[in-house]
Amino acid sequence: MSAPPENLSTIAEIASDYADTPLIAYMPNLSWWDEVQIDLYLDAFKELLLPQTTVLVGNHSSLWRWLLPDWSSERAPGARDIAKAAGELGVPYTLVTGIARPDQFIDNVLSSPQAVLGTESFERFEAVFTGAGDTLSAALAALLASGTGLEEAFTEALSYLDRCLDGGFRPGMGHVLPDRLFWAQPDNDENADTEATPTLLTPYTAPHDTQH
């Protein structure tokens, strides 16, 4: 992305034409950029996108550093602390991922400035992924667009992400990529004759029939 602020300006302009459509905004880890690029991107994101954002999605550490840079308490900020900071910038809901726990699990929390709306815990994968946050944000946006309620969409999107990560693959020597098409893979117990026969692949369907 050669000109992040300009790109964000275009997205914000389009979003403003559809004010009644929920906007899901994902803040990625930008640590691989230089500081000037990061500052320009964050300022543009805060000024142009956050006032229109319905749900802000991001990793706990990334959102903490961005929204609460002067946090001085000995305890780490919780999801609601981050949601309050986002709320001051116009964001009604925040989905905070990757909140570390003492065991091998991490918490993912949906919160408003007033209350925690949902918490989902998953076992930590011993791998470094690229594209996990993008996958979660896209799934959440698709579910909301299909009419699923926010709290239900939060739970289902995380369940989908967990299965994508479980089937993740490393195409080269770098990070692992989520397998977003895990539902299209043949079952392990299919016999050779069945595998040799072309079949129409059916997308994964959640228990309440919301299709990803």
C-alpha atoms as a PDB file:
ATOM      1  CA  MET A   1       0.000   0.000   0.000  1.00  0.00           C
ATOM      2  CA  SER A   2       1.937   3.015  -1.266  1.00  0.00           C
ATOM      3  CA  ALA A   3      -0.373   5.754   0.057  1.00  0.00           C
ATOM      4  CA  PRO A   4      -2.349   4.473   3.053  1.00  0.00           C
ATOM      5  CA  PRO A   5      -4.002   7.785   4.087  1.00  0.00           C
ATOM      6  CA  GLU A   6      -5.273   8.376   0.553  1.00  0.00           C
ATOM      7  CA  ASN A   7      -6.626   4.832   0.360  1.00  0.00           C
ATOM      8  CA  LEU A   8      -8.395   5.214   3.692  1.00  0.00           C
ATOM      9  CA  SER A   9      -9.877   8.494   2.504  1.00  0.00           C
ATOM     10  CA  THR A  10     -11.417   6.698  -0.480  1.00  0.00           C
ATOM     11  CA  ILE A  11     -12.840   3.943   1.729  1.00  0.00           C
ATOM     12  CA  ALA A  12     -14.278   6.484   4.163  1.00  0.00           C
ATOM     13  CA  GLU A  13     -15.900   8.398   1.307  1.00  0.00           C
ATOM     14  CA  ILE A  14     -17.573   5.242  -0.003  1.00  0.00           C
ATOM     15  CA  ALA A  15     -18.691   4.236   3.500  1.00  0.00           C
ATOM     16  CA  SER A  16     -20.288   7.631   4.045  1.00  0.00           C
ATOM     17  CA  ASP A  17     -22.582   6.958   1.073  1.00  0.00           C
ATOM     18  CA  TYR A  18     -23.932   3.889   2.890  1.00  0.00           C
ATOM     19  CA  ALA A  19     -24.348   5.224   6.406  1.00  0.00           C
ATOM     20  CA  ASP A  20     -26.930   2.566   7.337  1.00  0.00           C
ATOM     21  CA  THR A  21     -24.588  -0.319   6.458  1.00  0.00           C
ATOM     22  CA  PRO A  22     -22.456  -1.641   9.358  1.00  0.00           C
ATOM     23  CA  LEU A  23     -18.763  -0.937   8.842  1.00  0.00           C
ATOM     24  CA  ILE A  24     -16.278  -3.485  10.208  1.00  0.00           C
ATOM     25  CA  ALA A  25     -12.810  -1.939  10.558  1.00  0.00           C
ATOM     26  CA  TYR A  26      -9.756  -4.089  11.234  1.00  0.00           C
ATOM     27  CA  MET A  27      -6.558  -2.649  12.683  1.00  0.00           C
ATOM     28  CA  PRO A  28      -3.627  -4.928  11.776  1.00  0.00           C
ATOM     29  CA  ASN A  29      -0.169  -5.115  13.279  1.00  0.00           C
ATOM     30  CA  LEU A  30       1.840  -2.400  11.529  1.00  0.00           C
ATOM     31  CA  SER A  31       5.167  -3.015  13.247  1.00  0.00           C
ATOM     32  CA  TRP A  32       6.889  -3.911   9.965  1.00  0.00           C
ATOM     33  CA  TRP A  33       6.327  -0.352   8.636  1.00  0.00           C
ATOM     34  CA  ASP A  34       8.536   2.611   9.521  1.00  0.00           C
ATOM     35  CA  GLU A  35       7.261   5.020  12.164  1.00  0.00           C
ATOM     36  CA  VAL A  36       6.300   7.769   9.724  1.00  0.00           C
ATOM     37  CA  GLN A  37       4.068   5.410   7.723  1.00  0.00           C
ATOM     38  CA  ILE A  38       2.509   4.039  10.900  1.00  0.00           C
ATOM     39  CA  ASP A  39       1.693   7.495  12.287  1.00  0.00           C
ATOM     40  CA  LEU A  40       0.141   8.637   8.997  1.00  0.00           C
ATOM     41  CA  TYR A  41      -1.971   5.492   8.757  1.00  0.00           C
ATOM     42  CA  LEU A  42      -3.170   5.597  12.365  1.00  0.00           C
ATOM     43  CA  ASP A  43      -4.055   9.288  12.186  1.00  0.00           C
ATOM     44  CA  ALA A  44      -6.051   8.778   8.990  1.00  0.00           C
ATOM     45  CA  PHE A  45      -7.736   5.689  10.397  1.00  0.00           C
ATOM     46  CA  LYS A  46      -8.720   7.538  13.558  1.00  0.00           C
ATOM     47  CA  GLU A  47      -9.977  10.642  11.793  1.00  0.00           C
ATOM     48  CA  LEU A  48     -11.695   9.133   8.755  1.00  0.00           C
ATOM     49  CA  LEU A  49     -12.811   5.591   9.578  1.00  0.00           C
ATOM     50  CA  LEU A  50     -13.446   5.317  13.301  1.00  0.00           C
ATOM     51  CA  PRO A  51     -16.339   7.825  13.353  1.00  0.00           C
ATOM     52  CA  GLN A  52     -18.125   5.575  10.829  1.00  0.00           C
ATOM     53  CA  THR A  53     -17.095   2.227  12.309  1.00  0.00           C
ATOM     54  CA  THR A  54     -19.663  -0.138  13.808  1.00  0.00           C
ATOM     55  CA  VAL A  55     -17.216  -2.783  15.060  1.00  0.00           C
ATOM     56  CA  LEU A  56     -13.490  -2.212  15.472  1.00  0.00           C
ATOM     57  CA  VAL A  57     -11.515  -5.470  15.315  1.00  0.00           C
ATOM     58  CA  GLY A  58      -7.927  -5.834  16.468  1.00  0.00           C
ATOM     59  CA  ASN A  59      -5.420  -7.725  18.547  1.00  0.00           C
ATOM     60  CA  HIS A  60      -5.233  -6.766  22.214  1.00  0.00           C
ATOM     61  CA  SER A  61      -1.647  -5.535  22.094  1.00  0.00           C
ATOM     62  CA  SER A  62      -2.150  -3.537  18.867  1.00  0.00           C
ATOM     63  CA  LEU A  63      -5.289  -1.788  20.121  1.00  0.00           C
ATOM     64  CA  TRP A  64      -3.706  -1.167  23.523  1.00  0.00           C
ATOM     65  CA  ARG A  65      -0.660   0.581  22.024  1.00  0.00           C
ATOM     66  CA  TRP A  66      -2.816   2.628  19.660  1.00  0.00           C
ATOM     67  CA  LEU A  67      -5.814   3.654  21.752  1.00  0.00           C
ATOM     68  CA  LEU A  68      -4.282   3.673  25.245  1.00  0.00           C
ATOM     69  CA  PRO A  69      -0.659   4.784  24.748  1.00  0.00           C
ATOM     70  CA  ASP A  70      -0.527   6.422  28.188  1.00  0.00           C
ATOM     71  CA  TRP A  71      -1.928   3.458  30.122  1.00  0.00           C
ATOM     72  CA  SER A  72      -0.155   3.522  33.481  1.00  0.00           C
ATOM     73  CA  SER A  73      -1.867   0.841  35.546  1.00  0.00           C
ATOM     74  CA  GLU A  74       0.111  -2.255  36.547  1.00  0.00           C
ATOM     75  CA  ARG A  75      -2.647  -4.434  35.131  1.00  0.00           C
ATOM     76  CA  ALA A  76      -3.147  -4.709  31.400  1.00  0.00           C
ATOM     77  CA  PRO A  77      -6.231  -2.952  30.044  1.00  0.00           C
ATOM     78  CA  GLY A  78      -9.248  -5.175  29.565  1.00  0.00           C
ATOM     79  CA  ALA A  79     -11.460  -5.317  26.501  1.00  0.00           C
ATOM     80  CA  ARG A  80     -13.895  -2.848  28.037  1.00  0.00           C
ATOM     81  CA  ASP A  81     -11.085  -0.363  28.735  1.00  0.00           C
ATOM     82  CA  ILE A  82     -10.146  -0.524  25.067  1.00  0.00           C
ATOM     83  CA  ALA A  83     -13.815  -0.293  24.032  1.00  0.00           C
ATOM     84  CA  LYS A  84     -14.196   2.849  26.152  1.00  0.00           C
ATOM     85  CA  ALA A  85     -11.228   4.452  24.384  1.00  0.00           C
ATOM     86  CA  ALA A  86     -12.671   3.474  21.001  1.00  0.00           C
ATOM     87  CA  GLY A  87     -16.083   4.742  22.093  1.00  0.00           C
ATOM     88  CA  GLU A  88     -14.645   8.192  22.684  1.00  0.00           C
ATOM     89  CA  LEU A  89     -13.754   8.196  18.985  1.00  0.00           C
ATOM     90  CA  GLY A  90     -17.240   7.173  17.896  1.00  0.00           C
ATOM     91  CA  VAL A  91     -17.013   3.361  17.855  1.00  0.00           C
ATOM     92  CA  PRO A  92     -19.974   1.573  19.507  1.00  0.00           C
ATOM     93  CA  TYR A  93     -18.449  -1.944  19.600  1.00  0.00           C
ATOM     94  CA  THR A  94     -14.927  -3.358  19.769  1.00  0.00           C
ATOM     95  CA  LEU A  95     -13.814  -6.952  19.195  1.00  0.00           C
ATOM     96  CA  VAL A  96     -10.525  -7.503  21.024  1.00  0.00           C
ATOM     97  CA  THR A  97      -8.659 -10.675  20.095  1.00  0.00           C
ATOM     98  CA  GLY A  98      -5.672 -12.502  21.545  1.00  0.00           C
ATOM     99  CA  ILE A  99      -6.027 -11.522  25.210  1.00  0.00           C
ATOM    100  CA  ALA A 100      -3.427 -13.678  26.939  1.00  0.00           C
ATOM    101  CA  ARG A 101      -4.371 -16.031  29.771  1.00  0.00           C
ATOM    102  CA  PRO A 102      -2.066 -17.884  32.183  1.00  0.00           C
ATOM    103  CA  ASP A 103      -2.929 -21.222  30.563  1.00  0.00           C
ATOM    104  CA  GLN A 104      -2.653 -22.223  26.909  1.00  0.00           C
ATOM    105  CA  PHE A 105      -5.813 -20.331  25.989  1.00  0.00           C
ATOM    106  CA  ILE A 106      -6.552 -16.843  24.717  1.00  0.00           C
ATOM    107  CA  ASP A 107      -9.720 -14.796  25.122  1.00  0.00           C
ATOM    108  CA  ASN A 108     -11.556 -12.928  22.399  1.00  0.00           C
ATOM    109  CA  VAL A 109     -14.003 -10.363  23.718  1.00  0.00           C
ATOM    110  CA  LEU A 110     -16.791  -8.307  22.156  1.00  0.00           C
ATOM    111  CA  SER A 111     -17.442  -5.198  24.213  1.00  0.00           C
ATOM    112  CA  SER A 112     -19.179  -1.858  24.161  1.00  0.00           C
ATOM    113  CA  PRO A 113     -18.003   1.024  26.351  1.00  0.00           C
ATOM    114  CA  GLN A 114     -20.746   0.073  28.805  1.00  0.00           C
ATOM    115  CA  ALA A 115     -20.467  -3.721  29.021  1.00  0.00           C
ATOM    116  CA  VAL A 116     -18.833  -6.911  27.791  1.00  0.00           C
ATOM    117  CA  LEU A 117     -21.220  -8.556  25.350  1.00  0.00           C
ATOM    118  CA  GLY A 118     -19.466 -11.842  24.722  1.00  0.00           C
ATOM    119  CA  THR A 119     -16.307 -13.834  25.404  1.00  0.00           C
ATOM    120  CA  GLU A 120     -14.948 -16.796  23.458  1.00  0.00           C
ATOM    121  CA  SER A 121     -11.830 -18.694  24.526  1.00  0.00           C
ATOM    122  CA  PHE A 122      -9.703 -20.860  22.258  1.00  0.00           C
ATOM    123  CA  GLU A 123      -6.553 -22.893  22.742  1.00  0.00           C
ATOM    124  CA  ARG A 124      -3.448 -21.125  21.539  1.00  0.00           C
ATOM    125  CA  PHE A 125      -1.944 -22.455  18.290  1.00  0.00           C
ATOM    126  CA  GLU A 126       1.817 -23.006  18.293  1.00  0.00           C
ATOM    127  CA  ALA A 127       2.242 -21.107  15.035  1.00  0.00           C
ATOM    128  CA  VAL A 128       2.482 -17.569  13.698  1.00  0.00           C
ATOM    129  CA  PHE A 129      -0.354 -16.765  11.301  1.00  0.00           C
ATOM    130  CA  THR A 130      -0.761 -14.176   8.583  1.00  0.00           C
ATOM    131  CA  GLY A 131      -4.338 -13.274   7.719  1.00  0.00           C
ATOM    132  CA  ALA A 132      -6.123 -14.340  10.897  1.00  0.00           C
ATOM    133  CA  GLY A 133      -7.526 -10.892  11.669  1.00  0.00           C
ATOM    134  CA  ASP A 134      -8.548 -10.345   8.062  1.00  0.00           C
ATOM    135  CA  THR A 135     -10.363 -13.690   8.050  1.00  0.00           C
ATOM    136  CA  LEU A 136     -12.213 -12.916  11.268  1.00  0.00           C
ATOM    137  CA  SER A 137     -13.230  -9.429  10.112  1.00  0.00           C
ATOM    138  CA  ALA A 138     -14.450 -10.700   6.735  1.00  0.00           C
ATOM    139  CA  ALA A 139     -16.470 -13.475   8.383  1.00  0.00           C
ATOM    140  CA  LEU A 140     -18.039 -11.046  10.844  1.00  0.00           C
ATOM    141  CA  ALA A 141     -18.927  -8.626   8.047  1.00  0.00           C
ATOM    142  CA  ALA A 142     -20.488 -11.397   5.956  1.00  0.00           C
ATOM    143  CA  LEU A 143     -22.577 -12.664   8.853  1.00  0.00           C
ATOM    144  CA  LEU A 144     -23.857  -9.200   9.734  1.00  0.00           C
ATOM    145  CA  ALA A 145     -24.654  -8.572   6.073  1.00  0.00           C
ATOM    146  CA  SER A 146     -26.729 -11.759   6.022  1.00  0.00           C
ATOM    147  CA  GLY A 147     -28.838 -10.501   8.928  1.00  0.00           C
ATOM    148  CA  THR A 148     -27.204 -12.358  11.824  1.00  0.00           C
ATOM    149  CA  GLY A 149     -27.285 -10.510  15.152  1.00  0.00           C
ATOM    150  CA  LEU A 150     -24.017  -9.036  16.402  1.00  0.00           C
ATOM    151  CA  GLU A 151     -23.456 -11.342  19.373  1.00  0.00           C
ATOM    152  CA  GLU A 152     -24.316 -14.454  17.373  1.00  0.00           C
ATOM    153  CA  ALA A 153     -22.146 -13.267  14.488  1.00  0.00           C
ATOM    154  CA  PHE A 154     -19.264 -12.727  16.929  1.00  0.00           C
ATOM    155  CA  THR A 155     -19.485 -16.317  18.186  1.00  0.00           C
ATOM    156  CA  GLU A 156     -19.868 -17.872  14.756  1.00  0.00           C
ATOM    157  CA  ALA A 157     -17.112 -15.811  13.129  1.00  0.00           C
ATOM    158  CA  LEU A 158     -14.662 -16.901  15.828  1.00  0.00           C
ATOM    159  CA  SER A 159     -15.715 -20.531  15.443  1.00  0.00           C
ATOM    160  CA  TYR A 160     -15.107 -20.271  11.709  1.00  0.00           C
ATOM    161  CA  LEU A 161     -11.693 -18.648  12.291  1.00  0.00           C
ATOM    162  CA  ASP A 162     -10.716 -21.400  14.725  1.00  0.00           C
ATOM    163  CA  ARG A 163     -11.381 -24.041  12.085  1.00  0.00           C
ATOM    164  CA  CYS A 164      -9.537 -22.007   9.458  1.00  0.00           C
ATOM    165  CA  LEU A 165      -6.493 -21.818  11.730  1.00  0.00           C
ATOM    166  CA  ASP A 166      -6.740 -25.496  12.620  1.00  0.00           C
ATOM    167  CA  GLY A 167      -6.465 -26.300   8.917  1.00  0.00           C
ATOM    168  CA  GLY A 168      -3.815 -23.655   8.282  1.00  0.00           C
ATOM    169  CA  PHE A 169      -0.924 -24.311   5.919  1.00  0.00           C
ATOM    170  CA  ARG A 170       2.518 -22.867   5.238  1.00  0.00           C
ATOM    171  CA  PRO A 171       3.001 -22.370   1.481  1.00  0.00           C
ATOM    172  CA  GLY A 172       6.699 -21.605   1.859  1.00  0.00           C
ATOM    173  CA  MET A 173       9.128 -20.777   4.656  1.00  0.00           C
ATOM    174  CA  GLY A 174       7.067 -17.959   6.149  1.00  0.00           C
ATOM    175  CA  HIS A 175       4.005 -17.697   8.356  1.00  0.00           C
ATOM    176  CA  VAL A 176       1.042 -20.050   8.337  1.00  0.00           C
ATOM    177  CA  LEU A 177      -2.047 -19.030   6.334  1.00  0.00           C
ATOM    178  CA  PRO A 178      -5.592 -19.809   7.518  1.00  0.00           C
ATOM    179  CA  ASP A 179      -7.392 -22.324   5.310  1.00  0.00           C
ATOM    180  CA  ARG A 180     -10.616 -20.455   4.565  1.00  0.00           C
ATOM    181  CA  LEU A 181     -11.820 -23.318   2.365  1.00  0.00           C
ATOM    182  CA  PHE A 182     -11.461 -26.037   4.993  1.00  0.00           C
ATOM    183  CA  TRP A 183     -15.093 -26.989   4.389  1.00  0.00           C
ATOM    184  CA  ALA A 184     -14.237 -27.935   0.796  1.00  0.00           C
ATOM    185  CA  GLN A 185     -11.707 -30.584   1.811  1.00  0.00           C
ATOM    186  CA  PRO A 186     -12.774 -34.248   1.504  1.00  0.00           C
ATOM    187  CA  ASP A 187     -13.415 -36.150   4.714  1.00  0.00           C
ATOM    188  CA  ASN A 188     -10.487 -38.263   5.867  1.00  0.00           C
ATOM    189  CA  ASP A 189     -12.625 -41.380   6.074  1.00  0.00           C
ATOM    190  CA  GLU A 190     -13.702 -41.268   2.416  1.00  0.00           C
ATOM    191  CA  ASN A 191     -12.535 -44.323   0.518  1.00  0.00           C
ATOM    192  CA  ALA A 192     -10.480 -44.164  -2.662  1.00  0.00           C
ATOM    193  CA  ASP A 193     -13.448 -44.819  -4.951  1.00  0.00           C
ATOM    194  CA  THR A 194     -15.374 -41.920  -3.436  1.00  0.00           C
ATOM    195  CA  GLU A 195     -12.378 -39.598  -3.726  1.00  0.00           C
ATOM    196  CA  ALA A 196     -12.003 -40.482  -7.390  1.00  0.00           C
ATOM    197  CA  THR A 197     -15.594 -39.521  -8.145  1.00  0.00           C
ATOM    198  CA  PRO A 198     -16.193 -35.807  -8.841  1.00  0.00           C
ATOM    199  CA  THR A 199     -18.698 -34.349  -6.378  1.00  0.00           C
ATOM    200  CA  LEU A 200     -20.369 -30.991  -5.870  1.00  0.00           C
ATOM    201  CA  LEU A 201     -18.686 -29.440  -2.833  1.00  0.00           C
ATOM    202  CA  THR A 202     -21.090 -28.038  -0.247  1.00  0.00           C
ATOM    203  CA  PRO A 203     -19.914 -25.034   1.836  1.00  0.00           C
ATOM    204  CA  TYR A 204     -19.643 -25.463   5.582  1.00  0.00           C
ATOM    205  CA  THR A 205     -22.937 -24.622   7.251  1.00  0.00           C
ATOM    206  CA  ALA A 206     -23.168 -23.575  10.875  1.00  0.00           C
ATOM    207  CA  PRO A 207     -25.687 -25.245  13.210  1.00  0.00           C
ATOM    208  CA  HIS A 208     -28.281 -22.494  12.698  1.00  0.00           C
ATOM    209  CA  ASP A 209     -27.887 -22.638   8.891  1.00  0.00           C
ATOM    210  CA  THR A 210     -25.980 -19.387   8.384  1.00  0.00           C
ATOM    211  CA  GLN A 211     -23.711 -20.165   5.466  1.00  0.00           C
ATOM    212  CA  HIS A 212     -20.135 -18.878   5.353  1.00  0.00           C
END
